[in-house]
Amino acid sequence: MAKVVKANLKMKLKAGQASAAPPVGSTLGQYGVNMMDFINPFNDLTRDQQGATITAHITVYDDRTMDFRVVGMPTDDRIRAELGIQKGSGKPNTEKISKKLTQAQLTKIAEEKAHDMNAEDIEAVKKMVAGTARSMGVEVEA
């Protein structure tokens, strides 16, 4: 028989640096889950990406067990890192960022994100990344 899902959680954490302090301890503690069952495997799994912000999707079950999967760095963080900017535009439709995303940069980000996306080919992932860039006020070169 399938386990009953008690909660679906998302947490953004620094890779290889999860600890029992908030947000991990306070979030998992309220569901009665042993947080070390998450912290040690998460740190081992993400040790090679040290310092990057990683999203963890955690499923907590009624019997106080859990599963988790790690999703890579968010697309907007990758775009900001690639362009060397601090933040996107507050008004993306009228105020654009001075730097443009080249096709080479777009392809690089799309290839890094491909395993996290629900798309069949790299061209579809490129369209999703380009959409995120436009919503940040970043123009994409044709």
N, C-alpha and C. Protein backbone atom coordinates (compact mmCIF):
# COMPACT_ATOMS: atom_id res chain seq x y z
N MET A 1 0.83 -1.17 0.00
CA MET A 1 0.00 0.00 0.00
C MET A 1 0.89 1.25 0.00
N ALA A 2 0.47 2.28 -0.72
CA ALA A 2 1.24 3.51 -0.82
C ALA A 2 1.21 4.29 0.48
N LYS A 3 2.30 4.99 0.74
CA LYS A 3 2.38 5.82 1.94
C LYS A 3 1.51 7.06 1.78
N VAL A 4 0.97 7.53 2.87
CA VAL A 4 0.16 8.75 2.86
C VAL A 4 1.08 9.96 3.00
N VAL A 5 0.98 10.89 2.07
CA VAL A 5 1.82 12.09 2.08
C VAL A 5 1.26 13.08 3.09
N LYS A 6 2.11 13.51 4.00
CA LYS A 6 1.71 14.48 5.01
C LYS A 6 2.04 15.90 4.56
N ALA A 7 3.17 16.09 3.85
CA ALA A 7 3.56 17.43 3.41
C ALA A 7 4.53 17.34 2.23
N ASN A 8 4.43 18.33 1.35
CA ASN A 8 5.40 18.53 0.28
C ASN A 8 6.07 19.86 0.55
N LEU A 9 7.38 19.84 0.72
CA LEU A 9 8.13 21.03 1.11
C LEU A 9 9.18 21.38 0.07
N LYS A 10 9.49 22.68 -0.01
CA LYS A 10 10.60 23.14 -0.84
C LYS A 10 11.47 24.03 0.04
N MET A 11 12.77 23.79 -0.01
CA MET A 11 13.71 24.62 0.75
C MET A 11 14.88 24.99 -0.14
N LYS A 12 15.29 26.24 -0.06
CA LYS A 12 16.51 26.68 -0.74
C LYS A 12 17.62 26.69 0.30
N LEU A 13 18.68 25.91 0.02
CA LEU A 13 19.77 25.75 0.96
C LEU A 13 21.10 25.89 0.23
N LYS A 14 22.13 26.26 0.97
CA LYS A 14 23.48 26.29 0.41
C LYS A 14 23.96 24.84 0.29
N ALA A 15 24.51 24.51 -0.85
CA ALA A 15 24.97 23.14 -1.10
C ALA A 15 26.05 22.75 -0.11
N GLY A 16 25.91 21.56 0.47
CA GLY A 16 26.90 21.02 1.39
C GLY A 16 26.92 21.69 2.75
N GLN A 17 25.97 22.59 3.02
CA GLN A 17 26.00 23.35 4.28
C GLN A 17 24.70 23.27 5.07
N ALA A 18 23.89 22.26 4.85
CA ALA A 18 22.64 22.12 5.61
C ALA A 18 22.99 21.78 7.06
N SER A 19 22.25 22.37 7.99
CA SER A 19 22.46 22.09 9.41
C SER A 19 21.11 22.03 10.12
N ALA A 20 21.14 21.68 11.38
CA ALA A 20 19.91 21.56 12.15
C ALA A 20 19.30 22.92 12.50
N ALA A 21 20.01 23.98 12.21
CA ALA A 21 19.49 25.33 12.44
C ALA A 21 18.38 25.63 11.41
N PRO A 22 17.59 26.68 11.66
CA PRO A 22 16.58 27.04 10.67
C PRO A 22 17.23 27.32 9.32
N PRO A 23 16.60 27.01 8.21
CA PRO A 23 15.22 26.60 8.05
C PRO A 23 15.00 25.08 8.16
N VAL A 24 16.06 24.28 8.13
CA VAL A 24 15.89 22.83 8.11
C VAL A 24 15.27 22.33 9.41
N GLY A 25 15.85 22.69 10.53
CA GLY A 25 15.38 22.19 11.82
C GLY A 25 13.95 22.56 12.12
N SER A 26 13.62 23.83 11.93
CA SER A 26 12.27 24.27 12.26
C SER A 26 11.23 23.71 11.30
N THR A 27 11.59 23.56 10.04
CA THR A 27 10.65 23.05 9.05
C THR A 27 10.39 21.56 9.22
N LEU A 28 11.45 20.77 9.32
CA LEU A 28 11.28 19.32 9.45
C LEU A 28 10.82 18.93 10.85
N GLY A 29 11.22 19.69 11.87
CA GLY A 29 10.85 19.39 13.25
C GLY A 29 9.35 19.42 13.48
N GLN A 30 8.65 20.33 12.81
CA GLN A 30 7.21 20.41 13.03
C GLN A 30 6.45 19.20 12.49
N TYR A 31 7.10 18.42 11.62
CA TYR A 31 6.49 17.20 11.10
C TYR A 31 7.00 15.95 11.82
N GLY A 32 7.85 16.12 12.82
CA GLY A 32 8.34 14.99 13.61
C GLY A 32 9.34 14.11 12.88
N VAL A 33 9.99 14.66 11.88
CA VAL A 33 10.95 13.90 11.07
C VAL A 33 12.34 14.04 11.68
N ASN A 34 13.12 12.98 11.65
CA ASN A 34 14.51 13.05 12.09
C ASN A 34 15.28 13.86 11.06
N MET A 35 15.66 15.07 11.42
CA MET A 35 16.29 15.98 10.45
C MET A 35 17.66 15.49 9.99
N MET A 36 18.34 14.68 10.78
CA MET A 36 19.65 14.17 10.36
C MET A 36 19.51 13.18 9.21
N ASP A 37 18.32 12.58 9.05
CA ASP A 37 18.07 11.72 7.89
C ASP A 37 18.02 12.53 6.60
N PHE A 38 17.86 13.83 6.72
CA PHE A 38 17.91 14.72 5.55
C PHE A 38 19.26 15.41 5.44
N ILE A 39 19.77 15.94 6.54
CA ILE A 39 20.98 16.78 6.52
C ILE A 39 22.19 16.03 5.99
N ASN A 40 22.50 14.85 6.53
CA ASN A 40 23.70 14.12 6.10
C ASN A 40 23.65 13.70 4.63
N PRO A 41 22.55 13.08 4.16
CA PRO A 41 22.52 12.73 2.73
C PRO A 41 22.54 13.96 1.82
N PHE A 42 21.87 15.04 2.22
CA PHE A 42 21.86 16.26 1.41
C PHE A 42 23.27 16.83 1.29
N ASN A 43 23.98 16.93 2.40
CA ASN A 43 25.34 17.46 2.37
C ASN A 43 26.28 16.57 1.55
N ASP A 44 26.13 15.25 1.67
CA ASP A 44 26.96 14.34 0.87
C ASP A 44 26.66 14.48 -0.62
N LEU A 45 25.39 14.62 -0.95
CA LEU A 45 24.97 14.70 -2.35
C LEU A 45 25.40 16.01 -3.02
N THR A 46 25.46 17.09 -2.25
CA THR A 46 25.72 18.41 -2.83
C THR A 46 27.11 18.95 -2.51
N ARG A 47 27.95 18.15 -1.92
CA ARG A 47 29.28 18.61 -1.52
C ARG A 47 30.09 19.18 -2.68
N ASP A 48 29.94 18.64 -3.88
CA ASP A 48 30.71 19.10 -5.04
C ASP A 48 30.23 20.44 -5.58
N GLN A 49 29.07 20.93 -5.14
CA GLN A 49 28.52 22.21 -5.59
C GLN A 49 28.62 23.25 -4.47
N GLN A 50 29.56 23.09 -3.57
CA GLN A 50 29.73 23.89 -2.36
C GLN A 50 29.43 25.37 -2.56
N GLY A 51 28.52 25.91 -1.75
CA GLY A 51 28.21 27.34 -1.76
C GLY A 51 27.08 27.75 -2.67
N ALA A 52 26.75 26.97 -3.69
CA ALA A 52 25.65 27.31 -4.60
C ALA A 52 24.32 27.11 -3.88
N THR A 53 23.34 27.91 -4.24
CA THR A 53 22.01 27.75 -3.66
C THR A 53 21.28 26.65 -4.40
N ILE A 54 20.82 25.65 -3.66
CA ILE A 54 20.18 24.48 -4.23
C ILE A 54 18.77 24.37 -3.65
N THR A 55 17.82 23.96 -4.48
CA THR A 55 16.46 23.74 -4.00
C THR A 55 16.27 22.26 -3.72
N ALA A 56 15.74 21.96 -2.55
CA ALA A 56 15.43 20.57 -2.17
C ALA A 56 13.92 20.42 -2.08
N HIS A 57 13.38 19.44 -2.79
CA HIS A 57 11.95 19.10 -2.73
C HIS A 57 11.83 17.91 -1.79
N ILE A 58 11.13 18.10 -0.69
CA ILE A 58 11.03 17.07 0.34
C ILE A 58 9.58 16.61 0.46
N THR A 59 9.38 15.30 0.46
CA THR A 59 8.05 14.72 0.68
C THR A 59 8.07 14.03 2.03
N VAL A 60 7.22 14.50 2.95
CA VAL A 60 7.12 13.93 4.29
C VAL A 60 5.88 13.05 4.32
N TYR A 61 6.07 11.82 4.80
CA TYR A 61 4.97 10.86 4.87
C TYR A 61 4.38 10.77 6.28
N ASP A 62 3.21 10.19 6.37
CA ASP A 62 2.47 10.07 7.63
C ASP A 62 3.22 9.25 8.67
N ASP A 63 4.06 8.31 8.24
CA ASP A 63 4.80 7.47 9.18
C ASP A 63 6.14 8.11 9.61
N ARG A 64 6.29 9.42 9.38
CA ARG A 64 7.45 10.22 9.75
C ARG A 64 8.72 9.84 8.99
N THR A 65 8.56 9.33 7.80
CA THR A 65 9.69 9.12 6.90
C THR A 65 9.62 10.19 5.83
N MET A 66 10.65 10.26 5.02
CA MET A 66 10.66 11.26 3.96
C MET A 66 11.53 10.83 2.79
N ASP A 67 11.26 11.44 1.66
CA ASP A 67 12.09 11.33 0.47
C ASP A 67 12.43 12.75 0.06
N PHE A 68 13.57 12.92 -0.61
CA PHE A 68 13.86 14.23 -1.14
C PHE A 68 14.60 14.10 -2.46
N ARG A 69 14.47 15.15 -3.25
CA ARG A 69 15.25 15.23 -4.48
C ARG A 69 15.81 16.63 -4.57
N VAL A 70 16.98 16.73 -5.16
CA VAL A 70 17.68 17.99 -5.27
C VAL A 70 17.50 18.53 -6.68
N VAL A 71 17.07 19.78 -6.75
CA VAL A 71 16.94 20.48 -8.02
C VAL A 71 18.06 21.51 -8.04
N GLY A 72 18.70 21.66 -9.18
CA GLY A 72 19.85 22.56 -9.27
C GLY A 72 19.53 24.00 -8.98
N MET A 73 20.52 24.83 -9.17
CA MET A 73 20.42 26.26 -8.93
C MET A 73 19.27 26.86 -9.76
N PRO A 74 18.47 27.74 -9.18
CA PRO A 74 17.35 28.33 -9.92
C PRO A 74 17.81 29.07 -11.18
N THR A 75 16.96 29.11 -12.18
CA THR A 75 17.30 29.71 -13.47
C THR A 75 17.67 31.18 -13.32
N ASP A 76 16.92 31.93 -12.53
CA ASP A 76 17.23 33.36 -12.39
C ASP A 76 18.60 33.58 -11.74
N ASP A 77 18.98 32.71 -10.81
CA ASP A 77 20.32 32.80 -10.21
C ASP A 77 21.40 32.52 -11.24
N ARG A 78 21.16 31.54 -12.12
CA ARG A 78 22.13 31.23 -13.17
C ARG A 78 22.28 32.39 -14.14
N ILE A 79 21.18 33.04 -14.49
CA ILE A 79 21.23 34.18 -15.42
C ILE A 79 22.00 35.33 -14.78
N ARG A 80 21.70 35.63 -13.51
CA ARG A 80 22.41 36.71 -12.82
C ARG A 80 23.91 36.42 -12.72
N ALA A 81 24.26 35.18 -12.42
CA ALA A 81 25.68 34.80 -12.32
C ALA A 81 26.37 34.91 -13.68
N GLU A 82 25.69 34.49 -14.73
CA GLU A 82 26.27 34.52 -16.08
C GLU A 82 26.52 35.96 -16.55
N LEU A 83 25.60 36.86 -16.22
CA LEU A 83 25.73 38.25 -16.65
C LEU A 83 26.47 39.12 -15.65
N GLY A 84 26.69 38.61 -14.44
CA GLY A 84 27.39 39.38 -13.43
C GLY A 84 26.57 40.55 -12.89
N ILE A 85 25.27 40.35 -12.76
CA ILE A 85 24.40 41.40 -12.24
C ILE A 85 23.86 40.98 -10.88
N GLN A 86 23.45 41.97 -10.07
CA GLN A 86 22.94 41.69 -8.73
C GLN A 86 21.48 41.29 -8.72
N LYS A 87 20.68 41.96 -9.59
CA LYS A 87 19.25 41.67 -9.61
C LYS A 87 18.67 42.06 -10.96
N GLY A 88 17.46 41.58 -11.20
CA GLY A 88 16.76 41.92 -12.43
C GLY A 88 16.10 43.27 -12.32
N SER A 89 15.39 43.65 -13.36
CA SER A 89 14.70 44.93 -13.38
C SER A 89 13.43 44.87 -12.55
N GLY A 90 13.11 45.96 -11.88
CA GLY A 90 11.86 46.05 -11.12
C GLY A 90 10.66 46.22 -12.03
N LYS A 91 10.92 46.78 -13.23
CA LYS A 91 9.87 46.99 -14.23
C LYS A 91 10.37 46.41 -15.56
N PRO A 92 10.29 45.08 -15.72
CA PRO A 92 10.91 44.44 -16.88
C PRO A 92 10.31 44.84 -18.23
N ASN A 93 9.06 45.29 -18.26
CA ASN A 93 8.46 45.68 -19.54
C ASN A 93 8.96 47.02 -20.03
N THR A 94 9.34 47.92 -19.12
CA THR A 94 9.75 49.26 -19.54
C THR A 94 11.22 49.53 -19.30
N GLU A 95 11.80 48.97 -18.24
CA GLU A 95 13.21 49.21 -17.93
C GLU A 95 13.99 47.92 -18.12
N LYS A 96 14.90 47.93 -19.09
CA LYS A 96 15.70 46.75 -19.40
C LYS A 96 17.06 46.85 -18.72
N ILE A 97 17.67 45.70 -18.45
CA ILE A 97 19.03 45.62 -17.93
C ILE A 97 19.98 45.93 -19.09
N SER A 98 21.08 46.61 -18.80
CA SER A 98 22.00 47.02 -19.86
C SER A 98 22.71 45.85 -20.54
N LYS A 99 22.87 44.74 -19.85
CA LYS A 99 23.55 43.58 -20.44
C LYS A 99 22.54 42.68 -21.14
N LYS A 100 22.98 42.08 -22.26
CA LYS A 100 22.12 41.16 -23.01
C LYS A 100 22.65 39.74 -22.85
N LEU A 101 21.73 38.78 -22.93
CA LEU A 101 22.08 37.37 -22.86
C LEU A 101 22.33 36.87 -24.28
N THR A 102 23.54 36.39 -24.54
CA THR A 102 23.87 35.90 -25.88
C THR A 102 23.30 34.49 -26.07
N GLN A 103 23.27 34.05 -27.32
CA GLN A 103 22.80 32.70 -27.61
C GLN A 103 23.71 31.65 -26.98
N ALA A 104 25.02 31.92 -26.93
CA ALA A 104 25.95 30.98 -26.30
C ALA A 104 25.67 30.85 -24.81
N GLN A 105 25.42 31.98 -24.14
CA GLN A 105 25.11 31.95 -22.72
C GLN A 105 23.77 31.26 -22.48
N LEU A 106 22.80 31.53 -23.35
CA LEU A 106 21.49 30.91 -23.23
C LEU A 106 21.60 29.39 -23.36
N THR A 107 22.38 28.93 -24.31
CA THR A 107 22.58 27.49 -24.51
C THR A 107 23.27 26.86 -23.30
N LYS A 108 24.28 27.55 -22.77
CA LYS A 108 25.01 27.03 -21.60
C LYS A 108 24.06 26.85 -20.41
N ILE A 109 23.25 27.87 -20.12
CA ILE A 109 22.31 27.80 -19.00
C ILE A 109 21.27 26.71 -19.25
N ALA A 110 20.78 26.62 -20.48
CA ALA A 110 19.77 25.60 -20.82
C ALA A 110 20.32 24.19 -20.64
N GLU A 111 21.56 23.97 -21.02
CA GLU A 111 22.16 22.64 -20.86
C GLU A 111 22.33 22.29 -19.39
N GLU A 112 22.66 23.29 -18.55
CA GLU A 112 22.81 23.06 -17.12
C GLU A 112 21.46 22.75 -16.47
N LYS A 113 20.37 23.35 -16.98
CA LYS A 113 19.05 23.19 -16.40
C LYS A 113 18.24 22.05 -17.01
N ALA A 114 18.71 21.45 -18.09
CA ALA A 114 17.93 20.48 -18.85
C ALA A 114 17.43 19.31 -17.99
N HIS A 115 18.24 18.82 -17.06
CA HIS A 115 17.82 17.66 -16.25
C HIS A 115 16.74 18.02 -15.23
N ASP A 116 16.57 19.31 -14.93
CA ASP A 116 15.54 19.74 -13.98
C ASP A 116 14.21 20.09 -14.64
N MET A 117 14.23 20.27 -15.94
CA MET A 117 13.04 20.74 -16.66
C MET A 117 12.23 19.57 -17.20
N ASN A 118 11.00 19.86 -17.55
CA ASN A 118 10.11 18.84 -18.10
C ASN A 118 9.97 19.01 -19.61
N ALA A 119 11.10 19.14 -20.29
CA ALA A 119 11.09 19.36 -21.73
C ALA A 119 11.83 18.23 -22.44
N GLU A 120 11.45 18.01 -23.67
CA GLU A 120 12.03 16.92 -24.46
C GLU A 120 13.41 17.28 -25.03
N ASP A 121 13.57 18.51 -25.52
CA ASP A 121 14.83 18.87 -26.18
C ASP A 121 15.38 20.18 -25.65
N ILE A 122 16.62 20.47 -26.02
CA ILE A 122 17.32 21.65 -25.52
C ILE A 122 16.70 22.94 -26.04
N GLU A 123 16.09 22.91 -27.21
CA GLU A 123 15.45 24.12 -27.75
C GLU A 123 14.27 24.55 -26.87
N ALA A 124 13.52 23.60 -26.37
CA ALA A 124 12.39 23.92 -25.48
C ALA A 124 12.91 24.50 -24.16
N VAL A 125 14.00 23.97 -23.65
CA VAL A 125 14.58 24.48 -22.41
C VAL A 125 15.11 25.90 -22.65
N LYS A 126 15.71 26.14 -23.81
CA LYS A 126 16.20 27.48 -24.15
C LYS A 126 15.05 28.49 -24.15
N LYS A 127 13.88 28.09 -24.64
CA LYS A 127 12.73 28.99 -24.64
C LYS A 127 12.29 29.32 -23.22
N MET A 128 12.33 28.33 -22.32
CA MET A 128 11.96 28.58 -20.92
C MET A 128 12.95 29.53 -20.26
N VAL A 129 14.24 29.31 -20.49
CA VAL A 129 15.27 30.17 -19.91
C VAL A 129 15.14 31.58 -20.46
N ALA A 130 14.89 31.71 -21.77
CA ALA A 130 14.72 33.02 -22.38
C ALA A 130 13.51 33.75 -21.78
N GLY A 131 12.45 33.02 -21.49
CA GLY A 131 11.27 33.61 -20.86
C GLY A 131 11.59 34.14 -19.47
N THR A 132 12.38 33.39 -18.71
CA THR A 132 12.79 33.83 -17.38
C THR A 132 13.64 35.09 -17.50
N ALA A 133 14.56 35.10 -18.48
CA ALA A 133 15.40 36.27 -18.69
C ALA A 133 14.57 37.50 -19.02
N ARG A 134 13.59 37.35 -19.92
CA ARG A 134 12.74 38.48 -20.29
C ARG A 134 11.94 38.99 -19.09
N SER A 135 11.50 38.08 -18.22
CA SER A 135 10.74 38.50 -17.04
C SER A 135 11.62 39.23 -16.03
N MET A 136 12.94 39.12 -16.18
CA MET A 136 13.89 39.84 -15.33
C MET A 136 14.32 41.16 -15.96
N GLY A 137 13.86 41.44 -17.18
CA GLY A 137 14.27 42.65 -17.88
C GLY A 137 15.55 42.49 -18.66
N VAL A 138 15.97 41.26 -18.91
CA VAL A 138 17.18 40.97 -19.67
C VAL A 138 16.77 40.64 -21.10
N GLU A 139 17.39 41.32 -22.06
CA GLU A 139 17.09 41.04 -23.46
C GLU A 139 17.95 39.86 -23.92
N VAL A 140 17.36 39.04 -24.79
CA VAL A 140 18.06 37.88 -25.33
C VAL A 140 18.38 38.18 -26.79
N GLU A 141 19.67 38.05 -27.15
CA GLU A 141 20.06 38.30 -28.53
C GLU A 141 19.47 37.24 -29.45
N ALA A 142 19.10 37.66 -30.64
CA ALA A 142 18.47 36.74 -31.60
C ALA A 142 19.46 35.81 -32.25
